């Protein structure tokens, strides 16, 4: 899949976040990279056979105090890793779309203050509700 088509899926995935949450998102850049850098792999403690679909880096909304944003404030970032997602989807376009949307939801859940255990629990609940 070319980069432009992938980025369109990212835009679509972002719009799947309910508006009541989207309007609360502030100062977050949504990025696409091919794959995690060696620094990110090390930072996340990934072994050679592990991959990363997305990564949130920043200060979760629940931890931002009253002085957040006073003066220059670097945006938080959510990075989606294109090649990792395509590999996980086995190159199937509809599966790529699904994984992009799920990864965006997952990373914005971190932005809203959920730790990894809580995000995974809520993903299970969401999956059961769809069945």
Protein backbone atom coordinates (compact mmCIF):
# COMPACT_ATOMS: atom_id res chain seq x y z
CA UNK A 1 0.00 0.00 0.00
CA UNK A 2 1.42 3.39 -0.86
CA UNK A 3 1.96 6.01 1.81
CA UNK A 4 -0.88 8.27 0.65
CA UNK A 5 -3.45 5.44 0.85
CA UNK A 6 -2.16 4.46 4.28
CA UNK A 7 -2.38 8.05 5.55
CA UNK A 8 -5.97 8.19 4.33
CA UNK A 9 -6.72 5.14 6.48
CA UNK A 10 -5.12 6.95 9.41
CA UNK A 11 -7.43 9.93 8.85
CA UNK A 12 -10.44 7.59 8.65
CA UNK A 13 -9.33 5.77 11.80
CA UNK A 14 -9.03 9.03 13.71
CA UNK A 15 -12.56 10.00 12.69
CA UNK A 16 -13.85 6.72 14.17
CA UNK A 17 -13.00 8.02 17.63
CA UNK A 18 -16.30 9.35 19.03
CA UNK A 19 -16.57 13.11 18.66
CA UNK A 20 -17.01 13.62 22.43
CA UNK A 21 -13.43 12.33 22.80
CA UNK A 22 -11.95 13.84 19.62
CA UNK A 23 -12.91 17.35 20.72
CA UNK A 24 -10.97 16.81 23.97
CA UNK A 25 -7.73 15.93 22.17
CA UNK A 26 -5.23 18.77 22.34
CA UNK A 27 -1.64 19.16 21.21
CA UNK A 28 -1.16 15.67 19.74
CA UNK A 29 0.52 15.06 16.38
CA UNK A 30 -0.53 11.88 14.55
CA UNK A 31 2.48 10.57 12.62
CA UNK A 32 3.30 7.69 10.27
CA UNK A 33 6.70 6.04 10.11
CA UNK A 34 7.66 2.86 8.32
CA UNK A 35 8.84 1.01 11.42
CA UNK A 36 10.14 1.66 14.93
CA UNK A 37 13.69 2.94 15.11
CA UNK A 38 16.33 0.97 16.99
CA UNK A 39 16.07 3.59 19.77
CA UNK A 40 12.31 3.08 20.09
CA UNK A 41 12.73 -0.71 19.99
CA UNK A 42 15.25 -0.47 22.83
CA UNK A 43 13.13 2.04 24.80
CA UNK A 44 10.11 -0.28 24.54
CA UNK A 45 12.14 -3.38 25.39
CA UNK A 46 11.28 -5.19 22.17
CA UNK A 47 13.07 -8.41 21.30
CA UNK A 48 14.14 -9.16 17.73
CA UNK A 49 10.92 -11.05 16.99
CA UNK A 50 8.57 -8.45 18.50
CA UNK A 51 7.07 -5.50 16.70
CA UNK A 52 5.20 -2.33 17.52
CA UNK A 53 2.11 -1.12 15.66
CA UNK A 54 1.85 2.28 17.32
CA UNK A 55 3.37 4.41 20.05
CA UNK A 56 2.07 7.26 22.20
CA UNK A 57 4.71 9.61 23.57
CA UNK A 58 3.84 12.56 25.74
CA UNK A 59 2.01 13.69 28.84
CA UNK A 60 -1.39 12.00 29.21
CA UNK A 61 -4.33 14.40 29.50
CA UNK A 62 -4.99 13.12 33.04
CA UNK A 63 -1.52 14.23 34.15
CA UNK A 64 -1.52 17.70 32.62
CA UNK A 65 -1.75 20.33 35.30
CA UNK A 66 -3.13 23.86 35.17
CA UNK A 67 0.19 25.18 33.90
CA UNK A 68 0.31 22.79 30.93
CA UNK A 69 0.63 24.75 27.70
CA UNK A 70 1.94 27.91 29.28
CA UNK A 71 4.89 28.82 27.13
CA UNK A 72 6.23 26.67 24.32
CA UNK A 73 4.86 23.14 24.59
CA UNK A 74 6.07 20.36 22.34
CA UNK A 75 3.15 18.30 21.04
CA UNK A 76 2.62 14.75 22.17
CA UNK A 77 2.95 12.25 19.35
CA UNK A 78 1.13 9.14 18.27
CA UNK A 79 3.12 7.25 15.69
CA UNK A 80 1.71 4.45 13.57
CA UNK A 81 4.23 2.07 12.06
CA UNK A 82 3.12 1.37 8.49
CA UNK A 83 5.23 -1.69 7.68
CA UNK A 84 4.47 -3.33 11.04
CA UNK A 85 0.74 -2.82 10.53
CA UNK A 86 0.85 -4.11 6.96
CA UNK A 87 2.77 -7.18 8.10
CA UNK A 88 0.27 -7.84 10.92
CA UNK A 89 -2.54 -7.53 8.35
CA UNK A 90 -0.78 -9.87 5.91
CA UNK A 91 -1.22 -7.12 3.31
CA UNK A 92 -5.03 -7.49 3.23
CA UNK A 93 -6.41 -3.95 2.73
CA UNK A 94 -9.49 -4.37 4.94
CA UNK A 95 -7.36 -5.88 7.68
CA UNK A 96 -4.93 -2.94 7.39
CA UNK A 97 -7.90 -0.57 7.81
CA UNK A 98 -9.08 -2.47 10.89
CA UNK A 99 -5.64 -2.59 12.52
CA UNK A 100 -5.03 1.11 11.83
CA UNK A 101 -8.33 2.02 13.53
CA UNK A 102 -7.64 -0.28 16.48
CA UNK A 103 -4.11 1.07 16.88
CA UNK A 104 -5.31 4.67 16.83
CA UNK A 105 -7.93 3.85 19.48
CA UNK A 106 -5.28 2.07 21.56
CA UNK A 107 -2.79 4.95 21.45
CA UNK A 108 -5.38 7.64 22.17
CA UNK A 109 -6.50 5.56 25.16
CA UNK A 110 -2.97 6.06 26.48
CA UNK A 111 -3.31 9.79 25.79
CA UNK A 112 -6.47 9.75 27.94
CA UNK A 113 -4.48 8.21 30.79
CA UNK A 114 -5.06 4.47 30.51
CA UNK A 115 -2.13 2.18 31.23
CA UNK A 116 -1.42 -0.85 29.06
CA UNK A 117 -3.41 -3.28 31.24
CA UNK A 118 -6.49 -1.05 31.22
CA UNK A 119 -6.26 -0.49 27.46
CA UNK A 120 -6.03 -4.23 26.81
CA UNK A 121 -8.97 -4.91 29.14
CA UNK A 122 -11.10 -2.33 27.35
CA UNK A 123 -10.07 -3.76 23.98
CA UNK A 124 -11.37 -7.14 25.13
CA UNK A 125 -14.65 -5.55 26.23
CA UNK A 126 -14.97 -3.71 22.89
CA UNK A 127 -14.30 -6.93 20.99
CA UNK A 128 -17.00 -8.80 22.93
CA UNK A 129 -19.51 -5.99 22.35
CA UNK A 130 -18.96 -6.28 18.58
CA UNK A 131 -19.63 -10.04 18.55
